[in-house]
Amino acid sequence: MSTSETASVPSFAARLGLANWRQNIIYIGFAVIFLVFAIALHDKGFLNPNNLLNIFRQTAMIAVMAIAMTYVLSAGEIDLSVGAVAGLASVTTAMAIDAGGPVFGVLAGLTTGIAVGTFNGLLTTRIGIPSFLTTLAMMGIAKGVAMWVSDTAAVPIISRNYAWLFGGGSIGPVPILLAWMLVFGAIGHVVLRKTSFGRRVLATGGGETAARYSGIDTRSIKFRVLIISSMAAALAGMLYAGRLQSGRFQLGEGDELSVIAAAVLGGTSLFGGVGTVVGTIVGALMIGLINNGLILMGLEFSQQLIARGGIIILAVALSQSRR
């Protein structure tokens, strides 16, 4: 067989899909971790259906924010304010429900996300402040406002319809939170992969100067993804509020670390230009799986934080390795 003929025949590894194992490391890692926990914690109820459904419930809000973060990172930016915005939106939603009902509460929560996203977007794209600094400042502002308007107290939600639709309900055996995650994920995947907006987002992060010369309004793209991120964070806050039947400024606190880790673990590059919503969802579930397993193992909260930090380091290492 000639050299050219040999080159045309796929290798055994390629035919098995092993040649691109690095691209699928998140799926391999998820399967390995699940198997380890299933064996090590079989006597502690890890495989119990209720426990597995709890993983989905606990992960849904992280996944929703991480899907939007995929767009932000793919465009070459970052949003550190998502956790604080979720807490603020939970408070404004709960207060608005108390004042005018569930519809008014939903509008208030979404308006909170739009307002914060617009502020972040204007400072980043019009004034030129790096999104890292803009959203870092917004993290403190959003948390401070939430503490101020709520007087640091939980704001109860008495609307059963809202609580069912935004976190507490189920469609048969399927938690409503899982439905939210799947719907949001499907929309995010289609928009990123099948629309011109998604292609412009990836082009902006892959090479802003080249994208600008090709006719893409990169400032508009970055402005829009920051609004999307804040609106997703507001939705996550509304889901937190519905599940816990109250709005609290502490909700979402520290979630920005898990959100970024989920996106990067799933295959989204910290350097822009590469993003995958499906991988992001698996990354979020992987983090939820690890947190659940660590709790069942009896680890203290401080030890769980150490493990979460390790996940962040692993996410960055994988991102650089792929690049």
Protein backbone atom coordinates (compact mmCIF):
# COMPACT_ATOMS: atom_id res chain seq x y z
CA MET A 1 0.00 0.00 0.00
CA SER A 2 1.38 3.44 -0.94
CA THR A 3 2.01 6.25 1.51
CA SER A 4 -0.95 8.25 0.19
CA GLU A 5 -3.22 5.22 0.48
CA THR A 6 -2.03 4.62 4.02
CA ALA A 7 -2.74 8.24 4.97
CA SER A 8 -6.27 7.97 3.61
CA VAL A 9 -7.15 5.05 5.88
CA PRO A 10 -8.33 6.23 9.32
CA SER A 11 -6.24 5.01 12.19
CA PHE A 12 -7.72 2.57 14.69
CA ALA A 13 -7.74 5.30 17.35
CA ALA A 14 -9.49 7.73 15.03
CA ARG A 15 -12.16 5.17 14.14
CA LEU A 16 -12.85 4.66 17.85
CA GLY A 17 -12.96 8.38 18.44
CA LEU A 18 -9.92 8.24 20.70
CA ALA A 19 -7.84 10.62 18.61
CA ASN A 20 -9.89 13.53 19.93
CA TRP A 21 -10.08 12.30 23.51
CA ARG A 22 -8.89 15.65 24.78
CA GLN A 23 -11.94 17.32 23.22
CA ASN A 24 -14.18 14.89 25.08
CA ILE A 25 -12.34 14.97 28.41
CA ILE A 26 -15.32 16.50 30.23
CA TYR A 27 -17.57 13.58 29.27
CA ILE A 28 -14.91 11.05 30.19
CA GLY A 29 -14.28 12.82 33.48
CA PHE A 30 -17.99 12.97 34.29
CA ALA A 31 -18.39 9.24 33.67
CA VAL A 32 -15.33 8.37 35.77
CA ILE A 33 -16.36 10.56 38.71
CA PHE A 34 -19.91 9.22 38.62
CA LEU A 35 -18.60 5.65 38.62
CA VAL A 36 -16.21 6.33 41.52
CA PHE A 37 -18.94 7.89 43.64
CA ALA A 38 -21.41 5.15 42.72
CA ILE A 39 -18.98 2.52 44.02
CA ALA A 40 -17.66 4.42 47.04
CA LEU A 41 -21.04 5.75 48.21
CA HIS A 42 -23.34 2.90 47.24
CA ASP A 43 -24.28 2.41 50.90
CA LYS A 44 -25.00 6.11 51.46
CA GLY A 45 -27.75 6.56 48.91
CA PHE A 46 -25.77 8.16 46.11
CA LEU A 47 -27.67 6.22 43.43
CA ASN A 48 -31.01 6.82 45.09
CA PRO A 49 -33.33 8.49 42.52
CA ASN A 50 -34.18 11.27 44.97
CA ASN A 51 -30.49 12.05 45.45
CA LEU A 52 -29.85 12.13 41.70
CA LEU A 53 -32.82 14.44 41.20
CA ASN A 54 -31.46 16.66 43.97
CA ILE A 55 -28.23 17.01 41.99
CA PHE A 56 -30.26 18.37 39.08
CA ARG A 57 -32.17 20.72 41.39
CA GLN A 58 -28.99 22.05 42.97
CA THR A 59 -27.24 22.39 39.62
CA ALA A 60 -29.99 24.02 37.55
CA MET A 61 -29.26 27.61 38.58
CA ILE A 62 -25.52 27.19 38.03
CA ALA A 63 -26.20 25.67 34.61
CA VAL A 64 -28.50 28.52 33.55
CA MET A 65 -25.87 31.12 34.45
CA ALA A 66 -23.07 29.03 32.94
CA ILE A 67 -24.88 28.76 29.60
CA ALA A 68 -24.97 32.55 29.37
CA MET A 69 -21.37 32.72 30.61
CA THR A 70 -20.44 30.56 27.62
CA TYR A 71 -21.45 33.46 25.38
CA VAL A 72 -19.53 35.99 27.46
CA LEU A 73 -16.32 33.96 27.50
CA SER A 74 -16.67 33.06 23.82
CA ALA A 75 -16.81 36.77 23.03
CA GLY A 76 -13.57 37.34 24.95
CA GLU A 77 -15.10 38.88 28.08
CA ILE A 78 -15.94 37.74 31.61
CA ASP A 79 -18.75 38.43 34.11
CA LEU A 80 -17.94 38.19 37.81
CA SER A 81 -21.22 39.73 38.98
CA VAL A 82 -23.59 36.85 38.18
CA GLY A 83 -23.83 35.51 41.74
CA ALA A 84 -24.57 38.92 43.26
CA VAL A 85 -27.08 39.73 40.51
CA ALA A 86 -28.90 36.47 41.25
CA GLY A 87 -29.21 37.50 44.89
CA LEU A 88 -30.40 41.00 43.97
CA ALA A 89 -32.97 39.66 41.50
CA SER A 90 -34.32 37.24 44.08
CA VAL A 91 -34.92 40.15 46.46
CA THR A 92 -36.49 42.49 43.89
CA THR A 93 -38.70 39.66 42.62
CA ALA A 94 -39.90 38.75 46.10
CA MET A 95 -40.61 42.38 46.97
CA ALA A 96 -42.48 42.96 43.70
CA ILE A 97 -44.58 39.81 44.20
CA ASP A 98 -45.55 41.10 47.62
CA ALA A 99 -46.52 44.47 46.13
CA GLY A 100 -48.24 43.49 42.89
CA GLY A 101 -48.37 39.73 42.34
CA PRO A 102 -46.34 37.09 40.45
CA VAL A 103 -46.42 38.78 37.02
CA PHE A 104 -45.14 42.01 38.50
CA GLY A 105 -42.46 40.01 40.31
CA VAL A 106 -41.25 38.29 37.13
CA LEU A 107 -41.06 41.63 35.32
CA ALA A 108 -39.14 43.15 38.23
CA GLY A 109 -36.63 40.30 38.24
CA LEU A 110 -36.01 40.48 34.50
CA THR A 111 -35.76 44.28 34.63
CA THR A 112 -33.10 43.93 37.31
CA GLY A 113 -31.06 41.73 34.99
CA ILE A 114 -31.50 44.07 32.02
CA ALA A 115 -30.50 47.12 34.08
CA VAL A 116 -27.35 45.50 35.45
CA GLY A 117 -26.38 44.06 32.07
CA THR A 118 -26.86 47.43 30.38
CA PHE A 119 -24.69 49.11 33.00
CA ASN A 120 -21.95 46.48 32.61
CA GLY A 121 -22.17 46.64 28.83
CA LEU A 122 -21.97 50.41 28.59
CA LEU A 123 -18.98 50.66 30.91
CA THR A 124 -17.17 47.87 29.06
CA THR A 125 -17.93 48.71 25.43
CA ARG A 126 -18.41 52.48 25.46
CA ILE A 127 -16.07 53.71 28.17
CA GLY A 128 -13.53 50.94 27.70
CA ILE A 129 -13.26 49.60 31.25
CA PRO A 130 -12.25 45.90 31.14
CA SER A 131 -15.20 43.63 31.90
CA PHE A 132 -13.20 42.01 34.70
CA LEU A 133 -13.12 45.31 36.61
CA THR A 134 -16.62 46.40 35.61
CA THR A 135 -18.29 43.21 36.78
CA LEU A 136 -16.06 42.95 39.85
CA ALA A 137 -17.33 46.38 40.93
CA MET A 138 -20.89 45.38 40.05
CA MET A 139 -20.55 42.35 42.29
CA GLY A 140 -20.18 44.63 45.31
CA ILE A 141 -22.82 47.11 44.11
CA ALA A 142 -25.46 44.44 43.48
CA LYS A 143 -24.88 42.77 46.83
CA GLY A 144 -24.94 46.11 48.64
CA VAL A 145 -28.21 47.14 46.99
CA ALA A 146 -29.79 43.77 47.81
CA MET A 147 -28.77 44.12 51.46
CA TRP A 148 -30.01 47.71 51.56
CA VAL A 149 -33.47 47.26 50.06
CA SER A 150 -34.15 44.06 52.03
CA ASP A 151 -32.61 45.33 55.27
CA THR A 152 -30.54 42.09 55.18
CA ALA A 153 -33.70 40.08 55.93
CA ALA A 154 -35.31 37.34 53.86
CA VAL A 155 -38.34 38.49 51.85
CA PRO A 156 -40.97 35.70 51.87
CA ILE A 157 -42.88 34.64 48.75
CA ILE A 158 -46.43 33.46 49.43
CA SER A 159 -47.49 32.89 45.81
CA ARG A 160 -47.83 29.13 45.30
CA ASN A 161 -48.09 29.50 41.52
CA TYR A 162 -44.79 31.37 41.36
CA ALA A 163 -43.11 28.89 43.70
CA TRP A 164 -44.28 25.97 41.55
CA LEU A 165 -43.23 27.47 38.22
CA PHE A 166 -39.91 28.89 39.39
CA GLY A 167 -38.31 26.07 41.29
CA GLY A 168 -40.63 24.16 43.56
CA GLY A 169 -42.81 22.22 41.14
CA SER A 170 -42.50 19.02 39.17
CA ILE A 171 -43.88 17.73 35.87
CA GLY A 172 -44.52 14.14 36.82
CA PRO A 173 -41.20 12.86 38.21
CA VAL A 174 -39.24 15.63 36.46
CA PRO A 175 -38.38 18.66 38.64
CA ILE A 176 -39.38 21.95 37.04
CA LEU A 177 -35.81 23.15 37.57
CA LEU A 178 -34.55 20.40 35.27
CA ALA A 179 -37.07 21.51 32.64
CA TRP A 180 -35.80 25.10 32.92
CA MET A 181 -32.21 23.92 32.49
CA LEU A 182 -32.99 21.78 29.45
CA VAL A 183 -35.08 24.45 27.71
CA PHE A 184 -32.53 27.17 28.37
CA GLY A 185 -29.74 24.84 27.25
CA ALA A 186 -31.50 23.90 24.02
CA ILE A 187 -32.08 27.55 23.14
CA GLY A 188 -28.50 28.46 24.02
CA HIS A 189 -27.06 25.62 21.93
CA VAL A 190 -29.15 26.41 18.85
CA VAL A 191 -28.42 30.14 18.99
CA LEU A 192 -24.67 29.63 19.42
CA ARG A 193 -24.30 26.95 16.74
CA LYS A 194 -27.03 27.65 14.21
CA THR A 195 -27.48 31.43 14.03
CA SER A 196 -25.46 34.32 12.68
CA PHE A 197 -25.43 35.91 16.13
CA GLY A 198 -23.68 32.85 17.57
CA ARG A 199 -21.12 32.87 14.78
CA ARG A 200 -20.46 36.56 15.37
CA VAL A 201 -19.96 35.91 19.08
CA LEU A 202 -17.34 33.24 18.35
CA ALA A 203 -15.67 35.41 15.69
CA THR A 204 -15.47 38.35 18.10
CA GLY A 205 -13.72 36.27 20.74
CA GLY A 206 -11.53 34.46 18.23
CA GLY A 207 -10.06 37.65 16.82
CA GLU A 208 -11.69 40.99 17.52
CA THR A 209 -9.66 42.96 15.00
CA ALA A 210 -10.29 40.48 12.20
CA ALA A 211 -13.98 40.33 13.13
CA ARG A 212 -14.22 44.12 13.01
CA TYR A 213 -12.60 44.24 9.57
CA SER A 214 -15.06 41.62 8.35
CA GLY A 215 -17.94 43.91 9.23
CA ILE A 216 -18.93 42.63 12.67
CA ASP A 217 -19.92 45.26 15.24
CA THR A 218 -17.86 43.73 18.03
CA ARG A 219 -18.88 46.35 20.59
CA SER A 220 -22.54 45.52 20.00
CA ILE A 221 -21.82 41.80 20.35
CA LYS A 222 -20.04 42.27 23.68
CA PHE A 223 -22.76 44.61 24.91
CA ARG A 224 -25.44 42.04 24.11
CA VAL A 225 -23.68 39.06 25.69
CA LEU A 226 -23.21 40.99 28.93
CA ILE A 227 -26.94 41.74 28.98
CA ILE A 228 -27.69 38.06 28.29
CA SER A 229 -25.43 37.08 31.18
CA SER A 230 -27.13 39.43 33.64
CA MET A 231 -30.59 38.34 32.52
CA ALA A 232 -29.63 34.69 33.00
CA ALA A 233 -28.30 35.55 36.46
CA ALA A 234 -31.60 37.29 37.24
CA LEU A 235 -33.49 34.19 36.07
CA ALA A 236 -31.29 32.04 38.30
CA GLY A 237 -32.12 34.34 41.21
CA MET A 238 -35.81 33.98 40.45
CA LEU A 239 -35.41 30.19 40.44
CA TYR A 240 -33.56 30.35 43.76
CA ALA A 241 -36.38 32.46 45.18
CA GLY A 242 -39.06 30.09 43.89
CA ARG A 243 -37.34 27.02 45.26
CA LEU A 244 -36.73 28.54 48.70
CA GLN A 245 -39.95 30.63 48.63
CA SER A 246 -38.05 33.75 49.61
CA GLY A 247 -35.65 36.32 48.25
CA ARG A 248 -32.33 36.70 50.06
CA PHE A 249 -29.23 38.70 49.28
CA GLN A 250 -27.09 35.65 50.10
CA LEU A 251 -28.56 33.61 47.24
CA GLY A 252 -26.01 33.10 44.50
CA GLU A 253 -23.13 34.18 46.71
CA GLY A 254 -19.92 32.66 45.34
CA ASP A 255 -21.68 31.11 42.33
CA GLU A 256 -19.52 33.03 39.88
CA LEU A 257 -16.66 30.60 40.58
CA SER A 258 -18.77 27.54 39.84
CA VAL A 259 -20.32 29.20 36.79
CA ILE A 260 -16.98 30.03 35.19
CA ALA A 261 -15.57 26.61 36.09
CA ALA A 262 -18.57 24.86 34.53
CA ALA A 263 -18.19 26.76 31.27
CA VAL A 264 -14.44 26.24 31.01
CA LEU A 265 -14.58 22.60 32.08
CA GLY A 266 -17.15 22.06 29.35
CA GLY A 267 -14.81 23.29 26.63
CA THR A 268 -15.30 27.05 26.51
CA SER A 269 -12.02 28.90 26.25
CA LEU A 270 -11.08 31.61 28.73
CA PHE A 271 -9.36 33.33 25.80
CA GLY A 272 -12.46 33.56 23.61
CA GLY A 273 -13.47 32.14 20.26
CA VAL A 274 -14.44 28.66 21.48
CA GLY A 275 -17.65 27.72 23.25
CA THR A 276 -20.00 24.78 23.68
CA VAL A 277 -23.30 24.92 25.55
CA VAL A 278 -23.68 21.14 25.81
CA GLY A 279 -20.25 20.85 27.38
CA THR A 280 -21.11 23.67 29.76
CA ILE A 281 -24.20 21.84 31.01
CA VAL A 282 -22.14 18.68 31.56
CA GLY A 283 -19.52 20.79 33.36
CA ALA A 284 -22.20 22.21 35.67
CA LEU A 285 -23.55 18.73 36.38
CA MET A 286 -20.01 17.53 37.07
CA ILE A 287 -19.53 20.25 39.69
CA GLY A 288 -22.91 19.40 41.23
CA LEU A 289 -21.96 15.74 41.22
CA ILE A 290 -18.69 16.45 43.02
CA ASN A 291 -20.37 18.70 45.61
CA ASN A 292 -23.02 16.07 46.29
CA GLY A 293 -20.44 13.31 46.61
CA LEU A 294 -18.29 15.37 48.97
CA ILE A 295 -21.29 16.06 51.20
CA LEU A 296 -22.22 12.37 51.33
CA MET A 297 -18.61 11.62 52.24
CA GLY A 298 -19.04 13.83 55.29
CA LEU A 299 -16.51 16.49 54.34
CA GLU A 300 -16.75 19.85 56.08
CA PHE A 301 -17.69 22.99 54.16
CA SER A 302 -14.11 24.25 54.31
CA GLN A 303 -12.90 21.06 52.64
CA GLN A 304 -15.58 21.41 49.98
CA LEU A 305 -14.29 24.91 49.22
CA ILE A 306 -10.80 23.50 48.74
CA ALA A 307 -12.16 20.94 46.29
CA ARG A 308 -14.03 23.67 44.41
CA GLY A 309 -10.81 25.65 44.11
CA GLY A 310 -9.15 22.57 42.68
CA ILE A 311 -11.87 22.39 40.06
CA ILE A 312 -11.16 25.98 39.03
CA ILE A 313 -7.46 25.18 38.60
CA LEU A 314 -8.32 22.08 36.58
CA ALA A 315 -10.66 24.14 34.39
CA VAL A 316 -7.96 26.68 33.58
CA ALA A 317 -5.41 23.92 32.89
CA LEU A 318 -7.80 22.17 30.51
CA SER A 319 -8.58 25.45 28.74
CA GLN A 320 -4.89 26.18 28.15
CA SER A 321 -4.28 22.59 27.10
CA ARG A 322 -7.04 22.73 24.48
CA ARG A 323 -5.80 26.04 23.18
